[in-house]
Amino acid sequence: MRSGLSRPSGTFRDVATPLPGVGADDVAFGDFDGDGRLDAAGVNSLRSQLTLLRQAPDGTFVVTASIEMPVGVSRITSGDVDGDGRTDLVVVSDTNREIRAWVVLQVPGQPGTFAAPRLLP
């Protein structure tokens, strides 16, 4: 993955940003653990897996958890789904031509820790 970091002149430069252990179909970013740094979450449809990565102070990403999904998921987004002020995840599967969305909420009182995925009605 490539990203740009802002420079004082307002221009951008390319910076390599490896996301170890993801092998991702899609990635979403958000401050999942409340430390003020963007973290990452990636989905891999072949492995039916959601991988969570925390951004370390040096800017690198470290795998913190892998969540097995009931089906292969290929898309992900982040946002406060339940209105509690914490960033949650929504992942999408497209199996047998049926699109389904799964919500993965943060566990209350445990920043950066996510509960088991639930199928959205």
PDB file of N, CA and C in Angstrom:
ATOM      1  N   MET A   1       0.841  -1.165   0.000  1.00  0.00           N
ATOM      2  CA  MET A   1       0.000   0.000   0.000  1.00  0.00           C
ATOM      3  C   MET A   1       0.886   1.228   0.000  1.00  0.00           C
ATOM      4  N   ARG A   2       0.482   2.266  -0.701  1.00  0.00           N
ATOM      5  CA  ARG A   2       1.233   3.510  -0.758  1.00  0.00           C
ATOM      6  C   ARG A   2       0.355   4.606  -0.171  1.00  0.00           C
ATOM      7  N   SER A   3       0.975   5.502   0.561  1.00  0.00           N
ATOM      8  CA  SER A   3       0.216   6.624   1.101  1.00  0.00           C
ATOM      9  C   SER A   3       1.069   7.879   1.001  1.00  0.00           C
ATOM     10  N   GLY A   4       0.447   9.024   1.122  1.00  0.00           N
ATOM     11  CA  GLY A   4       1.178  10.279   1.078  1.00  0.00           C
ATOM     12  C   GLY A   4       1.121  10.964   2.429  1.00  0.00           C
ATOM     13  N   LEU A   5       2.219  11.530   2.853  1.00  0.00           N
ATOM     14  CA  LEU A   5       2.257  12.295   4.081  1.00  0.00           C
ATOM     15  C   LEU A   5       2.414  13.761   3.715  1.00  0.00           C
ATOM     16  N   SER A   6       1.659  14.608   4.387  1.00  0.00           N
ATOM     17  CA  SER A   6       1.713  16.027   4.086  1.00  0.00           C
ATOM     18  C   SER A   6       3.067  16.601   4.487  1.00  0.00           C
ATOM     19  N   ARG A   7       3.591  17.487   3.646  1.00  0.00           N
ATOM     20  CA  ARG A   7       4.829  18.200   3.941  1.00  0.00           C
ATOM     21  C   ARG A   7       4.476  19.660   4.134  1.00  0.00           C
ATOM     22  N   PRO A   8       5.309  20.433   4.821  1.00  0.00           N
ATOM     23  CA  PRO A   8       4.984  21.833   5.105  1.00  0.00           C
ATOM     24  C   PRO A   8       4.601  22.647   3.870  1.00  0.00           C
ATOM     25  N   SER A   9       5.146  22.316   2.700  1.00  0.00           N
ATOM     26  CA  SER A   9       4.841  23.093   1.505  1.00  0.00           C
ATOM     27  C   SER A   9       3.455  22.781   0.952  1.00  0.00           C
ATOM     28  N   GLY A  10       2.756  21.811   1.542  1.00  0.00           N
ATOM     29  CA  GLY A  10       1.445  21.440   1.050  1.00  0.00           C
ATOM     30  C   GLY A  10       1.480  20.390  -0.039  1.00  0.00           C
ATOM     31  N   THR A  11       2.681  19.897  -0.356  1.00  0.00           N
ATOM     32  CA  THR A  11       2.801  18.828  -1.346  1.00  0.00           C
ATOM     33  C   THR A  11       2.814  17.481  -0.627  1.00  0.00           C
ATOM     34  N   PHE A  12       2.725  16.428  -1.398  1.00  0.00           N
ATOM     35  CA  PHE A  12       2.737  15.089  -0.824  1.00  0.00           C
ATOM     36  C   PHE A  12       3.894  14.295  -1.407  1.00  0.00           C
ATOM     37  N   ARG A  13       4.346  13.311  -0.638  1.00  0.00           N
ATOM     38  CA  ARG A  13       5.380  12.419  -1.132  1.00  0.00           C
ATOM     39  C   ARG A  13       4.922  10.993  -0.872  1.00  0.00           C
ATOM     40  N   ASP A  14       5.384  10.076  -1.706  1.00  0.00           N
ATOM     41  CA  ASP A  14       5.026   8.673  -1.538  1.00  0.00           C
ATOM     42  C   ASP A  14       5.816   8.064  -0.395  1.00  0.00           C
ATOM     43  N   VAL A  15       5.119   7.280   0.413  1.00  0.00           N
ATOM     44  CA  VAL A  15       5.740   6.573   1.523  1.00  0.00           C
ATOM     45  C   VAL A  15       5.189   5.153   1.524  1.00  0.00           C
ATOM     46  N   ALA A  16       6.044   4.169   1.566  1.00  0.00           N
ATOM     47  CA  ALA A  16       5.586   2.787   1.644  1.00  0.00           C
ATOM     48  C   ALA A  16       5.036   2.518   3.035  1.00  0.00           C
ATOM     49  N   THR A  17       3.853   1.944   3.105  1.00  0.00           N
ATOM     50  CA  THR A  17       3.215   1.640   4.376  1.00  0.00           C
ATOM     51  C   THR A  17       2.803   0.176   4.392  1.00  0.00           C
ATOM     52  N   PRO A  18       3.697  -0.720   4.791  1.00  0.00           N
ATOM     53  CA  PRO A  18       3.341  -2.136   4.805  1.00  0.00           C
ATOM     54  C   PRO A  18       2.292  -2.440   5.881  1.00  0.00           C
ATOM     55  N   LEU A  19       1.358  -3.307   5.523  1.00  0.00           N
ATOM     56  CA  LEU A  19       0.353  -3.780   6.467  1.00  0.00           C
ATOM     57  C   LEU A  19       0.547  -5.290   6.600  1.00  0.00           C
ATOM     58  N   PRO A  20       1.397  -5.695   7.547  1.00  0.00           N
ATOM     59  CA  PRO A  20       1.774  -7.111   7.657  1.00  0.00           C
ATOM     60  C   PRO A  20       0.596  -8.007   8.014  1.00  0.00           C
ATOM     61  N   GLY A  21       0.577  -9.189   7.416  1.00  0.00           N
ATOM     62  CA  GLY A  21      -0.408 -10.189   7.783  1.00  0.00           C
ATOM     63  C   GLY A  21      -1.792  -9.978   7.220  1.00  0.00           C
ATOM     64  N   VAL A  22      -1.985  -8.979   6.361  1.00  0.00           N
ATOM     65  CA  VAL A  22      -3.331  -8.694   5.891  1.00  0.00           C
ATOM     66  C   VAL A  22      -3.642  -9.446   4.604  1.00  0.00           C
ATOM     67  N   GLY A  23      -2.827  -9.303   3.559  1.00  0.00           N
ATOM     68  CA  GLY A  23      -3.173  -9.901   2.273  1.00  0.00           C
ATOM     69  C   GLY A  23      -4.561  -9.468   1.870  1.00  0.00           C
ATOM     70  N   ALA A  24      -4.809  -8.194   1.945  1.00  0.00           N
ATOM     71  CA  ALA A  24      -6.161  -7.640   1.964  1.00  0.00           C
ATOM     72  C   ALA A  24      -6.828  -7.482   0.613  1.00  0.00           C
ATOM     73  N   ASP A  25      -8.149  -7.689   0.634  1.00  0.00           N
ATOM     74  CA  ASP A  25      -9.007  -7.292  -0.470  1.00  0.00           C
ATOM     75  C   ASP A  25      -9.363  -5.817  -0.305  1.00  0.00           C
ATOM     76  N   ASP A  26      -9.482  -5.372   0.950  1.00  0.00           N
ATOM     77  CA  ASP A  26      -9.865  -3.994   1.240  1.00  0.00           C
ATOM     78  C   ASP A  26      -9.369  -3.636   2.638  1.00  0.00           C
ATOM     79  N   VAL A  27      -9.131  -2.352   2.866  1.00  0.00           N
ATOM     80  CA  VAL A  27      -8.624  -1.863   4.155  1.00  0.00           C
ATOM     81  C   VAL A  27      -9.408  -0.623   4.556  1.00  0.00           C
ATOM     82  N   ALA A  28      -9.660  -0.484   5.848  1.00  0.00           N
ATOM     83  CA  ALA A  28     -10.284   0.723   6.403  1.00  0.00           C
ATOM     84  C   ALA A  28      -9.392   1.241   7.520  1.00  0.00           C
ATOM     85  N   PHE A  29      -9.437   2.544   7.722  1.00  0.00           N
ATOM     86  CA  PHE A  29      -8.621   3.174   8.754  1.00  0.00           C
ATOM     87  C   PHE A  29      -9.501   3.913   9.747  1.00  0.00           C
ATOM     88  N   GLY A  30      -9.047   3.976  10.991  1.00  0.00           N
ATOM     89  CA  GLY A  30      -9.727   4.717  12.044  1.00  0.00           C
ATOM     90  C   GLY A  30      -8.908   4.595  13.309  1.00  0.00           C
ATOM     91  N   ASP A  31      -9.166   5.463  14.262  1.00  0.00           N
ATOM     92  CA  ASP A  31      -8.463   5.375  15.548  1.00  0.00           C
ATOM     93  C   ASP A  31      -9.235   4.397  16.425  1.00  0.00           C
ATOM     94  N   PHE A  32      -8.932   3.117  16.307  1.00  0.00           N
ATOM     95  CA  PHE A  32      -9.680   2.087  17.000  1.00  0.00           C
ATOM     96  C   PHE A  32      -9.378   2.014  18.490  1.00  0.00           C
ATOM     97  N   ASP A  33      -8.150   2.346  18.887  1.00  0.00           N
ATOM     98  CA  ASP A  33      -7.775   2.197  20.297  1.00  0.00           C
ATOM     99  C   ASP A  33      -7.738   3.511  21.074  1.00  0.00           C
ATOM    100  N   GLY A  34      -8.111   4.620  20.440  1.00  0.00           N
ATOM    101  CA  GLY A  34      -8.213   5.901  21.137  1.00  0.00           C
ATOM    102  C   GLY A  34      -6.901   6.564  21.471  1.00  0.00           C
ATOM    103  N   ASP A  35      -5.811   6.197  20.790  1.00  0.00           N
ATOM    104  CA  ASP A  35      -4.510   6.797  21.100  1.00  0.00           C
ATOM    105  C   ASP A  35      -4.159   7.986  20.213  1.00  0.00           C
ATOM    106  N   GLY A  36      -5.082   8.379  19.330  1.00  0.00           N
ATOM    107  CA  GLY A  36      -4.836   9.532  18.470  1.00  0.00           C
ATOM    108  C   GLY A  36      -4.138   9.205  17.164  1.00  0.00           C
ATOM    109  N   ARG A  37      -3.777   7.942  16.938  1.00  0.00           N
ATOM    110  CA  ARG A  37      -3.138   7.519  15.682  1.00  0.00           C
ATOM    111  C   ARG A  37      -4.101   6.636  14.900  1.00  0.00           C
ATOM    112  N   LEU A  38      -4.056   6.766  13.565  1.00  0.00           N
ATOM    113  CA  LEU A  38      -4.903   5.924  12.729  1.00  0.00           C
ATOM    114  C   LEU A  38      -4.430   4.475  12.775  1.00  0.00           C
ATOM    115  N   ASP A  39      -5.363   3.579  12.998  1.00  0.00           N
ATOM    116  CA  ASP A  39      -5.108   2.154  12.958  1.00  0.00           C
ATOM    117  C   ASP A  39      -5.712   1.617  11.662  1.00  0.00           C
ATOM    118  N   ALA A  40      -5.538   0.337  11.392  1.00  0.00           N
ATOM    119  CA  ALA A  40      -6.035  -0.237  10.144  1.00  0.00           C
ATOM    120  C   ALA A  40      -6.755  -1.551  10.425  1.00  0.00           C
ATOM    121  N   ALA A  41      -7.693  -1.871   9.544  1.00  0.00           N
ATOM    122  CA  ALA A  41      -8.380  -3.158   9.567  1.00  0.00           C
ATOM    123  C   ALA A  41      -8.501  -3.611   8.120  1.00  0.00           C
ATOM    124  N   GLY A  42      -8.132  -4.859   7.860  1.00  0.00           N
ATOM    125  CA  GLY A  42      -8.183  -5.378   6.501  1.00  0.00           C
ATOM    126  C   GLY A  42      -8.966  -6.673   6.436  1.00  0.00           C
ATOM    127  N   VAL A  43      -9.623  -6.902   5.303  1.00  0.00           N
ATOM    128  CA  VAL A  43     -10.364  -8.140   5.103  1.00  0.00           C
ATOM    129  C   VAL A  43      -9.740  -8.946   3.980  1.00  0.00           C
ATOM    130  N   ASN A  44      -9.811 -10.258   4.137  1.00  0.00           N
ATOM    131  CA  ASN A  44      -9.285 -11.178   3.141  1.00  0.00           C
ATOM    132  C   ASN A  44     -10.370 -12.208   2.853  1.00  0.00           C
ATOM    133  N   SER A  45     -10.925 -12.176   1.643  1.00  0.00           N
ATOM    134  CA  SER A  45     -12.042 -13.063   1.308  1.00  0.00           C
ATOM    135  C   SER A  45     -11.624 -14.526   1.221  1.00  0.00           C
ATOM    136  N   LEU A  46     -10.406 -14.798   0.777  1.00  0.00           N
ATOM    137  CA  LEU A  46      -9.964 -16.190   0.657  1.00  0.00           C
ATOM    138  C   LEU A  46      -9.779 -16.852   2.009  1.00  0.00           C
ATOM    139  N   ARG A  47      -9.324 -16.075   2.984  1.00  0.00           N
ATOM    140  CA  ARG A  47      -9.109 -16.614   4.329  1.00  0.00           C
ATOM    141  C   ARG A  47     -10.323 -16.418   5.244  1.00  0.00           C
ATOM    142  N   SER A  48     -11.368 -15.718   4.755  1.00  0.00           N
ATOM    143  CA  SER A  48     -12.544 -15.393   5.578  1.00  0.00           C
ATOM    144  C   SER A  48     -12.093 -14.768   6.902  1.00  0.00           C
ATOM    145  N   GLN A  49     -11.276 -13.716   6.776  1.00  0.00           N
ATOM    146  CA  GLN A  49     -10.616 -13.154   7.954  1.00  0.00           C
ATOM    147  C   GLN A  49     -10.630 -11.639   7.941  1.00  0.00           C
ATOM    148  N   LEU A  50     -10.767 -11.077   9.134  1.00  0.00           N
ATOM    149  CA  LEU A  50     -10.634  -9.645   9.391  1.00  0.00           C
ATOM    150  C   LEU A  50      -9.407  -9.473  10.270  1.00  0.00           C
ATOM    151  N   THR A  51      -8.443  -8.677   9.820  1.00  0.00           N
ATOM    152  CA  THR A  51      -7.206  -8.471  10.571  1.00  0.00           C
ATOM    153  C   THR A  51      -7.157  -7.047  11.079  1.00  0.00           C
ATOM    154  N   LEU A  52      -6.860  -6.876  12.377  1.00  0.00           N
ATOM    155  CA  LEU A  52      -6.757  -5.566  13.009  1.00  0.00           C
ATOM    156  C   LEU A  52      -5.291  -5.226  13.233  1.00  0.00           C
ATOM    157  N   LEU A  53      -4.920  -3.988  12.908  1.00  0.00           N
ATOM    158  CA  LEU A  53      -3.545  -3.531  13.072  1.00  0.00           C
ATOM    159  C   LEU A  53      -3.530  -2.204  13.820  1.00  0.00           C
ATOM    160  N   ARG A  54      -2.668  -2.106  14.815  1.00  0.00           N
ATOM    161  CA  ARG A  54      -2.476  -0.876  15.578  1.00  0.00           C
ATOM    162  C   ARG A  54      -1.276  -0.138  15.010  1.00  0.00           C
ATOM    163  N   GLN A  55      -1.401   1.189  14.907  1.00  0.00           N
ATOM    164  CA  GLN A  55      -0.249   1.972  14.456  1.00  0.00           C
ATOM    165  C   GLN A  55       0.652   2.260  15.659  1.00  0.00           C
ATOM    166  N   ALA A  56       1.881   1.833  15.567  1.00  0.00           N
ATOM    167  CA  ALA A  56       2.872   2.060  16.621  1.00  0.00           C
ATOM    168  C   ALA A  56       3.356   3.506  16.562  1.00  0.00           C
ATOM    169  N   PRO A  57       3.981   4.000  17.630  1.00  0.00           N
ATOM    170  CA  PRO A  57       4.483   5.376  17.633  1.00  0.00           C
ATOM    171  C   PRO A  57       5.447   5.703  16.494  1.00  0.00           C
ATOM    172  N   ASP A  58       6.162   4.690  15.965  1.00  0.00           N
ATOM    173  CA  ASP A  58       7.099   4.956  14.868  1.00  0.00           C
ATOM    174  C   ASP A  58       6.418   4.951  13.499  1.00  0.00           C
ATOM    175  N   GLY A  59       5.075   4.776  13.476  1.00  0.00           N
ATOM    176  CA  GLY A  59       4.324   4.821  12.228  1.00  0.00           C
ATOM    177  C   GLY A  59       4.108   3.477  11.568  1.00  0.00           C
ATOM    178  N   THR A  60       4.734   2.425  12.069  1.00  0.00           N
ATOM    179  CA  THR A  60       4.528   1.097  11.503  1.00  0.00           C
ATOM    180  C   THR A  60       3.222   0.507  12.042  1.00  0.00           C
ATOM    181  N   PHE A  61       2.731  -0.521  11.371  1.00  0.00           N
ATOM    182  CA  PHE A  61       1.499  -1.184  11.793  1.00  0.00           C
ATOM    183  C   PHE A  61       1.819  -2.570  12.327  1.00  0.00           C
ATOM    184  N   VAL A  62       1.182  -2.930  13.448  1.00  0.00           N
ATOM    185  CA  VAL A  62       1.411  -4.192  14.131  1.00  0.00           C
ATOM    186  C   VAL A  62       0.071  -4.925  14.243  1.00  0.00           C
ATOM    187  N   VAL A  63       0.045  -6.196  13.850  1.00  0.00           N
ATOM    188  CA  VAL A  63      -1.183  -6.987  13.958  1.00  0.00           C
ATOM    189  C   VAL A  63      -1.527  -7.171  15.435  1.00  0.00           C
ATOM    190  N   THR A  64      -2.773  -6.844  15.782  1.00  0.00           N
ATOM    191  CA  THR A  64      -3.227  -7.014  17.164  1.00  0.00           C
ATOM    192  C   THR A  64      -4.231  -8.146  17.303  1.00  0.00           C
ATOM    193  N   ALA A  65      -4.964  -8.453  16.224  1.00  0.00           N
ATOM    194  CA  ALA A  65      -5.959  -9.528  16.295  1.00  0.00           C
ATOM    195  C   ALA A  65      -6.380  -9.937  14.898  1.00  0.00           C
ATOM    196  N   SER A  66      -6.829 -11.166  14.797  1.00  0.00           N
ATOM    197  CA  SER A  66      -7.460 -11.667  13.587  1.00  0.00           C
ATOM    198  C   SER A  66      -8.797 -12.262  13.994  1.00  0.00           C
ATOM    199  N   ILE A  67      -9.833 -11.865  13.291  1.00  0.00           N
ATOM    200  CA  ILE A  67     -11.177 -12.338  13.595  1.00  0.00           C
ATOM    201  C   ILE A  67     -11.643 -13.191  12.421  1.00  0.00           C
ATOM    202  N   GLU A  68     -11.983 -14.434  12.715  1.00  0.00           N
ATOM    203  CA  GLU A  68     -12.503 -15.320  11.681  1.00  0.00           C
ATOM    204  C   GLU A  68     -13.927 -14.884  11.355  1.00  0.00           C
ATOM    205  N   MET A  69     -14.212 -14.765  10.070  1.00  0.00           N
ATOM    206  CA  MET A  69     -15.539 -14.389   9.614  1.00  0.00           C
ATOM    207  C   MET A  69     -16.284 -15.648   9.178  1.00  0.00           C
ATOM    208  N   PRO A  70     -17.623 -15.661   9.303  1.00  0.00           N
ATOM    209  CA  PRO A  70     -18.393 -16.849   8.907  1.00  0.00           C
ATOM    210  C   PRO A  70     -18.326 -17.150   7.415  1.00  0.00           C
ATOM    211  N   VAL A  71     -18.060 -16.122   6.614  1.00  0.00           N
ATOM    212  CA  VAL A  71     -17.936 -16.262   5.158  1.00  0.00           C
ATOM    213  C   VAL A  71     -16.802 -15.353   4.699  1.00  0.00           C
ATOM    214  N   GLY A  72     -16.387 -15.505   3.457  1.00  0.00           N
ATOM    215  CA  GLY A  72     -15.375 -14.618   2.897  1.00  0.00           C
ATOM    216  C   GLY A  72     -15.929 -13.202   2.760  1.00  0.00           C
ATOM    217  N   VAL A  73     -15.211 -12.235   3.270  1.00  0.00           N
ATOM    218  CA  VAL A  73     -15.630 -10.831   3.183  1.00  0.00           C
ATOM    219  C   VAL A  73     -14.614 -10.070   2.344  1.00  0.00           C
ATOM    220  N   SER A  74     -15.109  -9.166   1.509  1.00  0.00           N
ATOM    221  CA  SER A  74     -14.208  -8.504   0.571  1.00  0.00           C
ATOM    222  C   SER A  74     -14.217  -6.985   0.661  1.00  0.00           C
ATOM    223  N   ARG A  75     -15.099  -6.406   1.444  1.00  0.00           N
ATOM    224  CA  ARG A  75     -15.153  -4.947   1.593  1.00  0.00           C
ATOM    225  C   ARG A  75     -15.296  -4.603   3.061  1.00  0.00           C
ATOM    226  N   ILE A  76     -14.750  -3.414   3.427  1.00  0.00           N
ATOM    227  CA  ILE A  76     -14.796  -2.985   4.824  1.00  0.00           C
ATOM    228  C   ILE A  76     -14.882  -1.465   4.881  1.00  0.00           C
ATOM    229  N   THR A  77     -15.562  -0.973   5.898  1.00  0.00           N
ATOM    230  CA  THR A  77     -15.582   0.457   6.185  1.00  0.00           C
ATOM    231  C   THR A  77     -15.611   0.630   7.699  1.00  0.00           C
ATOM    232  N   SER A  78     -15.264   1.816   8.155  1.00  0.00           N
ATOM    233  CA  SER A  78     -15.247   2.081   9.593  1.00  0.00           C
ATOM    234  C   SER A  78     -16.101   3.296   9.901  1.00  0.00           C
ATOM    235  N   GLY A  79     -16.680   3.308  11.088  1.00  0.00           N
ATOM    236  CA  GLY A  79     -17.497   4.425  11.548  1.00  0.00           C
ATOM    237  C   GLY A  79     -18.159   4.045  12.859  1.00  0.00           C
ATOM    238  N   ASP A  80     -18.769   5.010  13.498  1.00  0.00           N
ATOM    239  CA  ASP A  80     -19.453   4.771  14.770  1.00  0.00           C
ATOM    240  C   ASP A  80     -20.862   4.255  14.477  1.00  0.00           C
ATOM    241  N   VAL A  81     -21.014   2.955  14.403  1.00  0.00           N
ATOM    242  CA  VAL A  81     -22.279   2.334  14.012  1.00  0.00           C
ATOM    243  C   VAL A  81     -23.345   2.459  15.091  1.00  0.00           C
ATOM    244  N   ASP A  82     -22.967   2.276  16.357  1.00  0.00           N
ATOM    245  CA  ASP A  82     -23.955   2.236  17.435  1.00  0.00           C
ATOM    246  C   ASP A  82     -24.049   3.518  18.262  1.00  0.00           C
ATOM    247  N   GLY A  83     -23.367   4.574  17.853  1.00  0.00           N
ATOM    248  CA  GLY A  83     -23.492   5.868  18.515  1.00  0.00           C
ATOM    249  C   GLY A  83     -22.815   5.988  19.868  1.00  0.00           C
ATOM    250  N   ASP A  84     -21.853   5.119  20.166  1.00  0.00           N
ATOM    251  CA  ASP A  84     -21.178   5.161  21.465  1.00  0.00           C
ATOM    252  C   ASP A  84     -19.879   5.971  21.447  1.00  0.00           C
ATOM    253  N   GLY A  85     -19.548   6.582  20.298  1.00  0.00           N
ATOM    254  CA  GLY A  85     -18.342   7.397  20.201  1.00  0.00           C
ATOM    255  C   GLY A  85     -17.088   6.635  19.808  1.00  0.00           C
ATOM    256  N   ARG A  86     -17.195   5.313  19.635  1.00  0.00           N
ATOM    257  CA  ARG A  86     -16.045   4.502  19.235  1.00  0.00           C
ATOM    258  C   ARG A  86     -16.208   4.058  17.780  1.00  0.00           C
ATOM    259  N   THR A  87     -15.090   3.863  17.110  1.00  0.00           N
ATOM    260  CA  THR A  87     -15.100   3.447  15.713  1.00  0.00           C
ATOM    261  C   THR A  87     -15.340   1.944  15.612  1.00  0.00           C
ATOM    262  N   ASP A  88     -16.390   1.572  14.907  1.00  0.00           N
ATOM    263  CA  ASP A  88     -16.744   0.179  14.671  1.00  0.00           C
ATOM    264  C   ASP A  88     -16.431  -0.166  13.217  1.00  0.00           C
ATOM    265  N   LEU A  89     -16.682  -1.412  12.848  1.00  0.00           N
ATOM    266  CA  LEU A  89     -16.403  -1.872  11.486  1.00  0.00           C
ATOM    267  C   LEU A  89     -17.649  -2.512  10.882  1.00  0.00           C
ATOM    268  N   VAL A  90     -17.821  -2.324   9.588  1.00  0.00           N
ATOM    269  CA  VAL A  90     -18.842  -3.022   8.823  1.00  0.00           C
ATOM    270  C   VAL A  90     -18.125  -3.690   7.661  1.00  0.00           C
ATOM    271  N   VAL A  91     -18.334  -4.986   7.511  1.00  0.00           N
ATOM    272  CA  VAL A  91     -17.712  -5.736   6.424  1.00  0.00           C
ATOM    273  C   VAL A  91     -18.806  -6.342   5.559  1.00  0.00           C
ATOM    274  N   VAL A  92     -18.484  -6.532   4.283  1.00  0.00           N
ATOM    275  CA  VAL A  92     -19.478  -7.007   3.322  1.00  0.00           C
ATOM    276  C   VAL A  92     -18.979  -8.274   2.643  1.00  0.00           C
ATOM    277  N   SER A  93     -19.890  -9.227   2.516  1.00  0.00           N
ATOM    278  CA  SER A  93     -19.598 -10.457   1.776  1.00  0.00           C
ATOM    279  C   SER A  93     -20.491 -10.501   0.548  1.00  0.00           C
ATOM    280  N   ASP A  94     -20.013 -11.178  -0.470  1.00  0.00           N
ATOM    281  CA  ASP A  94     -20.785 -11.376  -1.693  1.00  0.00           C
ATOM    282  C   ASP A  94     -20.616 -12.834  -2.082  1.00  0.00           C
ATOM    283  N   THR A  95     -21.418 -13.690  -1.464  1.00  0.00           N
ATOM    284  CA  THR A  95     -21.316 -15.122  -1.735  1.00  0.00           C
ATOM    285  C   THR A  95     -22.595 -15.598  -2.406  1.00  0.00           C
ATOM    286  N   ASN A  96     -22.439 -16.447  -3.386  1.00  0.00           N
ATOM    287  CA  ASN A  96     -23.590 -16.981  -4.130  1.00  0.00           C
ATOM    288  C   ASN A  96     -24.512 -15.872  -4.623  1.00  0.00           C
ATOM    289  N   ARG A  97     -23.873 -14.777  -5.031  1.00  0.00           N
ATOM    290  CA  ARG A  97     -24.603 -13.618  -5.562  1.00  0.00           C
ATOM    291  C   ARG A  97     -25.549 -12.983  -4.558  1.00  0.00           C
ATOM    292  N   GLU A  98     -25.269 -13.190  -3.286  1.00  0.00           N
ATOM    293  CA  GLU A  98     -26.058 -12.576  -2.219  1.00  0.00           C
ATOM    294  C   GLU A  98     -25.133 -11.679  -1.406  1.00  0.00           C
ATOM    295  N   ILE A  99     -25.451 -10.399  -1.353  1.00  0.00           N
ATOM    296  CA  ILE A  99     -24.623  -9.450  -0.610  1.00  0.00           C
ATOM    297  C   ILE A  99     -25.155  -9.357   0.815  1.00  0.00           C
ATOM    298  N   ARG A 100     -24.229  -9.514   1.771  1.00  0.00           N
ATOM    299  CA  ARG A 100     -24.588  -9.414   3.190  1.00  0.00           C
ATOM    300  C   ARG A 100     -23.607  -8.492   3.891  1.00  0.00           C
ATOM    301  N   ALA A 101     -24.105  -7.791   4.893  1.00  0.00           N
ATOM    302  CA  ALA A 101     -23.258  -6.897   5.688  1.00  0.00           C
ATOM    303  C   ALA A 101     -23.188  -7.426   7.119  1.00  0.00           C
ATOM    304  N   TRP A 102     -21.984  -7.370   7.663  1.00  0.00           N
ATOM    305  CA  TRP A 102     -21.721  -7.818   9.033  1.00  0.00           C
ATOM    306  C   TRP A 102     -21.191  -6.627   9.818  1.00  0.00           C
ATOM    307  N   VAL A 103     -21.643  -6.459  11.051  1.00  0.00           N
ATOM    308  CA  VAL A 103     -21.137  -5.393  11.906  1.00  0.00           C
ATOM    309  C   VAL A 103     -20.209  -6.014  12.947  1.00  0.00           C
ATOM    310  N   VAL A 104     -19.103  -5.316  13.205  1.00  0.00           N
ATOM    311  CA  VAL A 104     -18.133  -5.752  14.212  1.00  0.00           C
ATOM    312  C   VAL A 104     -17.944  -4.553  15.141  1.00  0.00           C
ATOM    313  N   LEU A 105     -18.603  -4.619  16.299  1.00  0.00           N
ATOM    314  CA  LEU A 105     -18.608  -3.503  17.248  1.00  0.00           C
ATOM    315  C   LEU A 105     -17.456  -3.621  18.238  1.00  0.00           C
ATOM    316  N   GLN A 106     -16.993  -2.462  18.730  1.00  0.00           N
ATOM    317  CA  GLN A 106     -15.986  -2.479  19.789  1.00  0.00           C
ATOM    318  C   GLN A 106     -16.628  -2.924  21.099  1.00  0.00           C
ATOM    319  N   VAL A 107     -15.856  -3.646  21.885  1.00  0.00           N
ATOM    320  CA  VAL A 107     -16.310  -4.101  23.192  1.00  0.00           C
ATOM    321  C   VAL A 107     -16.277  -2.902  24.147  1.00  0.00           C
ATOM    322  N   PRO A 108     -17.384  -2.609  24.856  1.00  0.00           N
ATOM    323  CA  PRO A 108     -17.398  -1.475  25.792  1.00  0.00           C
ATOM    324  C   PRO A 108     -16.291  -1.583  26.836  1.00  0.00           C
ATOM    325  N   GLY A 109     -15.586  -0.487  27.066  1.00  0.00           N
ATOM    326  CA  GLY A 109     -14.528  -0.433  28.070  1.00  0.00           C
ATOM    327  C   GLY A 109     -13.221  -1.081  27.652  1.00  0.00           C
ATOM    328  N   GLN A 110     -13.126  -1.569  26.412  1.00  0.00           N
ATOM    329  CA  GLN A 110     -11.903  -2.211  25.933  1.00  0.00           C
ATOM    330  C   GLN A 110     -11.530  -1.627  24.573  1.00  0.00           C
ATOM    331  N   PRO A 111     -10.970  -0.415  24.550  1.00  0.00           N
ATOM    332  CA  PRO A 111     -10.645   0.234  23.276  1.00  0.00           C
ATOM    333  C   PRO A 111      -9.779  -0.648  22.382  1.00  0.00           C
ATOM    334  N   GLY A 112     -10.176  -0.724  21.109  1.00  0.00           N
ATOM    335  CA  GLY A 112      -9.419  -1.509  20.146  1.00  0.00           C
ATOM    336  C   GLY A 112      -9.740  -2.986  20.152  1.00  0.00           C
ATOM    337  N   THR A 113     -10.648  -3.419  21.019  1.00  0.00           N
ATOM    338  CA  THR A 113     -11.060  -4.819  21.075  1.00  0.00           C
ATOM    339  C   THR A 113     -12.459  -4.928  20.481  1.00  0.00           C
ATOM    340  N   PHE A 114     -12.634  -5.875  19.565  1.00  0.00           N
ATOM    341  CA  PHE A 114     -13.898  -5.990  18.850  1.00  0.00           C
ATOM    342  C   PHE A 114     -14.609  -7.288  19.204  1.00  0.00           C
ATOM    343  N   ALA A 115     -15.951  -7.224  19.253  1.00  0.00           N
ATOM    344  CA  ALA A 115     -16.786  -8.385  19.526  1.00  0.00           C
ATOM    345  C   ALA A 115     -16.902  -9.232  18.263  1.00  0.00           C
ATOM    346  N   ALA A 116     -17.517 -10.383  18.405  1.00  0.00           N
ATOM    347  CA  ALA A 116     -17.750 -11.280  17.271  1.00  0.00           C
ATOM    348  C   ALA A 116     -18.639 -10.586  16.237  1.00  0.00           C
ATOM    349  N   PRO A 117     -18.439 -10.881  14.963  1.00  0.00           N
ATOM    350  CA  PRO A 117     -19.254 -10.265  13.922  1.00  0.00           C
ATOM    351  C   PRO A 117     -20.716 -10.706  14.021  1.00  0.00           C
ATOM    352  N   ARG A 118     -21.613  -9.745  13.699  1.00  0.00           N
ATOM    353  CA  ARG A 118     -23.055 -10.034  13.668  1.00  0.00           C
ATOM    354  C   ARG A 118     -23.602  -9.639  12.313  1.00  0.00           C
ATOM    355  N   LEU A 119     -24.443 -10.466  11.773  1.00  0.00           N
ATOM    356  CA  LEU A 119     -25.082 -10.184  10.503  1.00  0.00           C
ATOM    357  C   LEU A 119     -26.089  -9.058  10.684  1.00  0.00           C
ATOM    358  N   LEU A 120     -26.023  -8.051   9.825  1.00  0.00           N
ATOM    359  CA  LEU A 120     -27.007  -6.973   9.883  1.00  0.00           C
ATOM    360  C   LEU A 120     -28.312  -7.465   9.265  1.00  0.00           C
ATOM    361  N   PRO A 121     -29.437  -7.107   9.865  1.00  0.00           N
ATOM    362  CA  PRO A 121     -30.735  -7.573   9.328  1.00  0.00           C
ATOM    363  C   PRO A 121     -31.021  -6.950   7.972  1.00  0.00           C
TER     364      PRO A 121
END
